Every structure is written in C-alpha cells, then in structure tokens.
Amino acid sequence: MGKRSQEFPRKTQELALLRQQGLCASCGTPISHIGEAGRARHKFGEGAQAHHAKHVKFGGTNDLDNCVVIVSRAITAFTRGGNYRFGTIVGMPSDFPHYHGLDQPTKK
C-alpha cells in the first residue's frame, strides 16, 4: 500500500524536526523521534507526527515549508476535535511558535 497523497515523505518530516531544533512546533516540548518511537523518551509519553501547517484543502503542499512536527496533545488542541480536517479551521503561523526552534522568530 502506497502513501496517501497528503502524507509527508519521511525525509521531509526529519528535516522539519531538525529545523524545529527537536521541539514540537506548537508547544516546544522536546521530541526525540517522529512517530511512536519517541513515546518512551517523551516527557508525557506522547508520540509526534508531521502535520500540514496549511491544510491541503486550502492549497497546502507536502513541501518542507508546510510541514510541522507536533506532539499528540498539540495535534488535538490544534485540530479541535477534527474540525481542521473538515475545513472549519485554517492554520496560521502563530499556531506554531516553534516552527524555527527557540531562537528564531516565526514568520508572519
């Protein structure tokens, strides 16, 4: 079974986490590994996933500049129970203050 057209390639996910200096793009919690592999080392036992900063429905791409890696609770908070998927919430740069890590400001 191939990847869905809305999924990021693994290399893109890894580069996004590197750009974020190993931090959740939303809350800044350290992330050791993408996916379930990082659960054991995460402060709250959470996995991390790549997420579209701008949803595909609104023209978002699978490019690195649209990829953010966030922990499970940040995904839940951001998607607000799944409304993001159905088009009622549009991501903004301010939703991901750690897009560039701690020392670089978020682009507006």
N, C-alpha and C. Protein backbone atom coordinates (compact mmCIF):
# COMPACT_ATOMS: atom_id res chain seq x y z
N MET A 1 0.84 -1.18 0.00
CA MET A 1 0.00 0.00 0.00
C MET A 1 0.89 1.25 0.00
N GLY A 2 0.66 2.17 -0.92
CA GLY A 2 1.47 3.37 -1.04
C GLY A 2 1.02 4.46 -0.08
N LYS A 3 1.82 5.53 -0.06
CA LYS A 3 1.47 6.66 0.80
C LYS A 3 0.29 7.42 0.23
N ARG A 4 -0.51 7.95 1.13
CA ARG A 4 -1.60 8.83 0.69
C ARG A 4 -0.98 10.11 0.16
N SER A 5 -1.66 10.78 -0.74
CA SER A 5 -1.12 12.00 -1.34
C SER A 5 -0.96 13.13 -0.34
N GLN A 6 -1.58 13.00 0.83
CA GLN A 6 -1.49 14.05 1.84
C GLN A 6 -0.44 13.76 2.90
N GLU A 7 0.39 12.73 2.71
CA GLU A 7 1.41 12.40 3.70
C GLU A 7 2.76 12.98 3.29
N PHE A 8 3.55 13.34 4.28
CA PHE A 8 4.89 13.85 4.02
C PHE A 8 5.88 12.69 3.90
N PRO A 9 6.83 12.79 2.97
CA PRO A 9 7.90 11.79 2.93
C PRO A 9 8.68 11.82 4.25
N ARG A 10 9.23 10.70 4.66
CA ARG A 10 9.97 10.60 5.92
C ARG A 10 11.10 11.63 5.99
N LYS A 11 11.83 11.83 4.91
CA LYS A 11 12.94 12.79 4.89
C LYS A 11 12.43 14.21 5.18
N THR A 12 11.28 14.56 4.64
CA THR A 12 10.70 15.88 4.89
C THR A 12 10.36 16.03 6.37
N GLN A 13 9.80 14.98 6.97
CA GLN A 13 9.47 15.02 8.40
C GLN A 13 10.74 15.21 9.24
N GLU A 14 11.79 14.49 8.90
CA GLU A 14 13.05 14.60 9.65
C GLU A 14 13.66 15.99 9.51
N LEU A 15 13.62 16.55 8.31
CA LEU A 15 14.14 17.90 8.10
C LEU A 15 13.33 18.95 8.86
N ALA A 16 12.01 18.75 8.92
CA ALA A 16 11.16 19.68 9.68
C ALA A 16 11.52 19.64 11.16
N LEU A 17 11.72 18.44 11.70
CA LEU A 17 12.08 18.33 13.12
C LEU A 17 13.45 18.94 13.37
N LEU A 18 14.37 18.78 12.44
CA LEU A 18 15.69 19.40 12.56
C LEU A 18 15.57 20.93 12.55
N ARG A 19 14.76 21.46 11.62
CA ARG A 19 14.52 22.91 11.55
C ARG A 19 13.94 23.43 12.86
N GLN A 20 13.09 22.62 13.48
CA GLN A 20 12.45 22.99 14.75
C GLN A 20 13.35 22.73 15.96
N GLN A 21 14.59 22.36 15.71
CA GLN A 21 15.57 22.10 16.75
C GLN A 21 15.10 21.04 17.74
N GLY A 22 14.38 20.03 17.22
CA GLY A 22 13.92 18.92 18.05
C GLY A 22 12.78 19.26 18.99
N LEU A 23 12.05 20.32 18.68
CA LEU A 23 10.94 20.76 19.54
C LEU A 23 9.61 20.65 18.81
N CYS A 24 8.54 20.40 19.56
CA CYS A 24 7.20 20.46 18.99
C CYS A 24 6.99 21.87 18.45
N ALA A 25 6.53 21.98 17.22
CA ALA A 25 6.32 23.30 16.60
C ALA A 25 5.26 24.12 17.31
N SER A 26 4.37 23.45 18.03
CA SER A 26 3.29 24.14 18.72
C SER A 26 3.63 24.51 20.16
N CYS A 27 4.02 23.52 20.96
CA CYS A 27 4.19 23.76 22.40
C CYS A 27 5.66 23.82 22.85
N GLY A 28 6.60 23.43 22.00
CA GLY A 28 8.01 23.49 22.34
C GLY A 28 8.53 22.33 23.17
N THR A 29 7.72 21.29 23.39
CA THR A 29 8.16 20.11 24.12
C THR A 29 9.21 19.38 23.28
N PRO A 30 10.32 18.93 23.88
CA PRO A 30 11.33 18.18 23.12
C PRO A 30 10.76 16.90 22.53
N ILE A 31 11.16 16.61 21.29
CA ILE A 31 10.76 15.41 20.57
C ILE A 31 12.04 14.66 20.18
N SER A 32 12.16 13.40 20.60
CA SER A 32 13.36 12.63 20.26
C SER A 32 13.22 11.91 18.93
N HIS A 33 12.03 11.43 18.61
CA HIS A 33 11.78 10.70 17.37
C HIS A 33 10.37 10.97 16.88
N ILE A 34 10.19 10.94 15.57
CA ILE A 34 8.87 11.09 14.98
C ILE A 34 8.13 9.76 15.08
N GLY A 35 6.85 9.80 15.32
CA GLY A 35 6.03 8.60 15.41
C GLY A 35 6.04 8.00 16.80
N GLU A 36 5.69 6.76 16.88
CA GLU A 36 5.57 6.08 18.17
C GLU A 36 6.92 5.82 18.82
N ALA A 37 8.01 5.83 18.05
CA ALA A 37 9.34 5.54 18.58
C ALA A 37 9.76 6.51 19.68
N GLY A 38 9.28 7.72 19.64
CA GLY A 38 9.66 8.71 20.64
C GLY A 38 8.84 8.68 21.91
N ARG A 39 7.78 7.88 21.94
CA ARG A 39 6.89 7.82 23.11
C ARG A 39 7.63 7.53 24.42
N ALA A 40 8.49 6.55 24.41
CA ALA A 40 9.19 6.12 25.64
C ALA A 40 10.08 7.21 26.21
N ARG A 41 10.61 8.07 25.35
CA ARG A 41 11.53 9.12 25.82
C ARG A 41 10.85 10.48 26.00
N HIS A 42 9.59 10.57 25.62
CA HIS A 42 8.88 11.85 25.72
C HIS A 42 8.43 12.10 27.15
N LYS A 43 8.50 13.33 27.57
CA LYS A 43 8.15 13.73 28.94
C LYS A 43 6.78 13.22 29.38
N PHE A 44 5.81 13.22 28.49
CA PHE A 44 4.45 12.79 28.83
C PHE A 44 4.04 11.51 28.10
N GLY A 45 5.01 10.80 27.52
CA GLY A 45 4.71 9.55 26.83
C GLY A 45 3.94 9.72 25.54
N GLU A 46 4.14 10.84 24.87
CA GLU A 46 3.40 11.12 23.64
C GLU A 46 4.24 10.83 22.40
N GLY A 47 3.58 10.42 21.34
CA GLY A 47 4.22 10.31 20.04
C GLY A 47 4.15 11.66 19.34
N ALA A 48 4.84 11.78 18.23
CA ALA A 48 4.83 13.02 17.45
C ALA A 48 4.55 12.69 15.99
N GLN A 49 3.88 13.61 15.31
CA GLN A 49 3.51 13.41 13.91
C GLN A 49 3.78 14.66 13.10
N ALA A 50 4.00 14.43 11.81
CA ALA A 50 4.10 15.56 10.88
C ALA A 50 2.68 16.01 10.57
N HIS A 51 2.52 17.30 10.43
CA HIS A 51 1.20 17.88 10.21
C HIS A 51 1.35 19.03 9.21
N HIS A 52 0.33 19.26 8.42
CA HIS A 52 0.35 20.38 7.47
C HIS A 52 0.05 21.68 8.22
N ALA A 53 0.93 22.66 8.09
CA ALA A 53 0.65 23.97 8.67
C ALA A 53 -0.56 24.58 7.95
N LYS A 54 -0.62 24.42 6.66
CA LYS A 54 -1.76 24.86 5.86
C LYS A 54 -2.36 23.61 5.23
N HIS A 55 -3.58 23.30 5.57
CA HIS A 55 -4.24 22.06 5.12
C HIS A 55 -4.25 21.97 3.59
N VAL A 56 -4.14 20.76 3.08
CA VAL A 56 -4.16 20.50 1.64
C VAL A 56 -5.42 21.08 1.00
N LYS A 57 -6.56 21.01 1.70
CA LYS A 57 -7.81 21.56 1.15
C LYS A 57 -7.72 23.05 0.85
N PHE A 58 -6.79 23.73 1.53
CA PHE A 58 -6.65 25.17 1.34
C PHE A 58 -5.41 25.51 0.53
N GLY A 59 -4.87 24.52 -0.19
CA GLY A 59 -3.71 24.76 -1.04
C GLY A 59 -2.38 24.40 -0.42
N GLY A 60 -2.38 23.82 0.77
CA GLY A 60 -1.14 23.40 1.40
C GLY A 60 -0.49 22.25 0.64
N THR A 61 0.82 22.21 0.68
CA THR A 61 1.58 21.20 -0.06
C THR A 61 2.26 20.23 0.90
N ASN A 62 2.93 19.25 0.35
CA ASN A 62 3.72 18.32 1.14
C ASN A 62 5.19 18.74 1.17
N ASP A 63 5.44 20.01 0.92
CA ASP A 63 6.81 20.54 0.94
C ASP A 63 7.25 20.82 2.38
N LEU A 64 8.55 20.91 2.56
CA LEU A 64 9.13 21.15 3.88
C LEU A 64 8.58 22.40 4.55
N ASP A 65 8.39 23.47 3.79
CA ASP A 65 7.92 24.72 4.41
C ASP A 65 6.49 24.64 4.94
N ASN A 66 5.76 23.58 4.60
CA ASN A 66 4.39 23.40 5.10
C ASN A 66 4.30 22.27 6.12
N CYS A 67 5.44 21.70 6.48
CA CYS A 67 5.47 20.56 7.39
C CYS A 67 5.88 21.02 8.79
N VAL A 68 5.06 20.67 9.78
CA VAL A 68 5.40 20.91 11.18
C VAL A 68 5.28 19.58 11.92
N VAL A 69 6.19 19.34 12.84
CA VAL A 69 6.12 18.12 13.65
C VAL A 69 5.62 18.54 15.02
N ILE A 70 4.51 17.93 15.44
CA ILE A 70 3.90 18.28 16.72
C ILE A 70 3.53 17.03 17.51
N VAL A 71 3.47 17.18 18.83
CA VAL A 71 3.12 16.05 19.70
C VAL A 71 1.60 15.85 19.70
N SER A 72 1.19 14.69 20.18
CA SER A 72 -0.22 14.30 20.14
C SER A 72 -1.16 15.33 20.75
N ARG A 73 -0.83 15.86 21.93
CA ARG A 73 -1.77 16.82 22.54
C ARG A 73 -1.84 18.11 21.76
N ALA A 74 -0.75 18.49 21.10
CA ALA A 74 -0.78 19.69 20.26
C ALA A 74 -1.66 19.46 19.04
N ILE A 75 -1.62 18.25 18.49
CA ILE A 75 -2.48 17.92 17.35
C ILE A 75 -3.94 18.03 17.77
N THR A 76 -4.27 17.47 18.93
CA THR A 76 -5.65 17.52 19.42
C THR A 76 -6.08 18.96 19.64
N ALA A 77 -5.22 19.76 20.27
CA ALA A 77 -5.56 21.16 20.54
C ALA A 77 -5.73 21.93 19.23
N PHE A 78 -4.81 21.70 18.29
CA PHE A 78 -4.85 22.45 17.03
C PHE A 78 -6.05 22.05 16.18
N THR A 79 -6.31 20.77 16.07
CA THR A 79 -7.39 20.33 15.20
C THR A 79 -8.76 20.46 15.84
N ARG A 80 -8.80 20.73 17.13
CA ARG A 80 -10.05 20.96 17.86
C ARG A 80 -11.09 19.88 17.54
N GLY A 81 -10.69 18.65 17.82
CA GLY A 81 -11.62 17.54 17.65
C GLY A 81 -11.89 17.15 16.21
N GLY A 82 -11.01 17.51 15.30
CA GLY A 82 -11.17 17.08 13.91
C GLY A 82 -11.74 18.13 12.98
N ASN A 83 -12.10 19.30 13.48
CA ASN A 83 -12.68 20.32 12.61
C ASN A 83 -11.71 20.80 11.53
N TYR A 84 -10.41 20.74 11.81
CA TYR A 84 -9.41 21.14 10.82
C TYR A 84 -9.57 20.30 9.55
N ARG A 85 -9.77 19.00 9.72
CA ARG A 85 -9.91 18.09 8.59
C ARG A 85 -11.11 18.47 7.71
N PHE A 86 -12.17 18.94 8.32
CA PHE A 86 -13.38 19.24 7.57
C PHE A 86 -13.46 20.69 7.10
N GLY A 87 -12.38 21.42 7.28
CA GLY A 87 -12.29 22.73 6.66
C GLY A 87 -12.82 23.90 7.47
N THR A 88 -13.03 23.74 8.76
CA THR A 88 -13.54 24.86 9.53
C THR A 88 -12.43 25.62 10.25
N ILE A 89 -11.21 25.10 10.23
CA ILE A 89 -10.09 25.77 10.90
C ILE A 89 -8.92 25.84 9.92
N VAL A 90 -8.32 27.01 9.79
CA VAL A 90 -7.18 27.21 8.92
C VAL A 90 -5.97 27.53 9.80
N GLY A 91 -4.88 26.78 9.64
CA GLY A 91 -3.67 27.01 10.42
C GLY A 91 -3.04 28.35 10.09
N MET A 92 -2.49 28.98 11.11
CA MET A 92 -1.81 30.26 10.98
C MET A 92 -0.39 30.09 11.50
N PRO A 93 0.57 30.89 11.04
CA PRO A 93 1.94 30.78 11.57
C PRO A 93 1.99 30.92 13.09
N SER A 94 1.11 31.70 13.67
CA SER A 94 1.12 31.88 15.12
C SER A 94 0.72 30.61 15.87
N ASP A 95 0.11 29.63 15.17
CA ASP A 95 -0.23 28.35 15.80
C ASP A 95 1.02 27.52 16.07
N PHE A 96 2.14 27.86 15.42
CA PHE A 96 3.36 27.08 15.51
C PHE A 96 4.54 27.97 15.88
N PRO A 97 4.58 28.48 17.13
CA PRO A 97 5.63 29.41 17.53
C PRO A 97 7.03 28.80 17.51
N HIS A 98 7.14 27.48 17.50
CA HIS A 98 8.46 26.84 17.49
C HIS A 98 8.78 26.25 16.12
N TYR A 99 8.17 26.78 15.09
CA TYR A 99 8.42 26.35 13.71
C TYR A 99 9.92 26.41 13.40
N HIS A 100 10.58 27.44 13.89
CA HIS A 100 12.01 27.63 13.65
C HIS A 100 12.83 27.33 14.90
N GLY A 101 12.29 26.66 15.89
CA GLY A 101 13.02 26.42 17.12
C GLY A 101 12.89 27.59 18.06
N LEU A 102 13.68 27.61 19.10
CA LEU A 102 13.55 28.63 20.14
C LEU A 102 14.16 29.98 19.78
N ASP A 103 15.25 29.99 19.04
CA ASP A 103 16.00 31.22 18.85
C ASP A 103 15.62 32.04 17.61
N GLN A 104 14.72 31.51 16.80
CA GLN A 104 14.36 32.22 15.58
C GLN A 104 12.88 32.56 15.61
N PRO A 105 12.53 33.80 15.29
CA PRO A 105 11.12 34.17 15.32
C PRO A 105 10.33 33.48 14.22
N THR A 106 9.06 33.29 14.47
CA THR A 106 8.15 32.69 13.49
C THR A 106 7.86 33.73 12.41
N LYS A 107 7.86 33.29 11.15
CA LYS A 107 7.50 34.19 10.05
C LYS A 107 6.01 34.46 10.12
N LYS A 108 5.60 35.68 9.90
CA LYS A 108 4.17 36.06 9.90
C LYS A 108 3.68 36.21 8.50
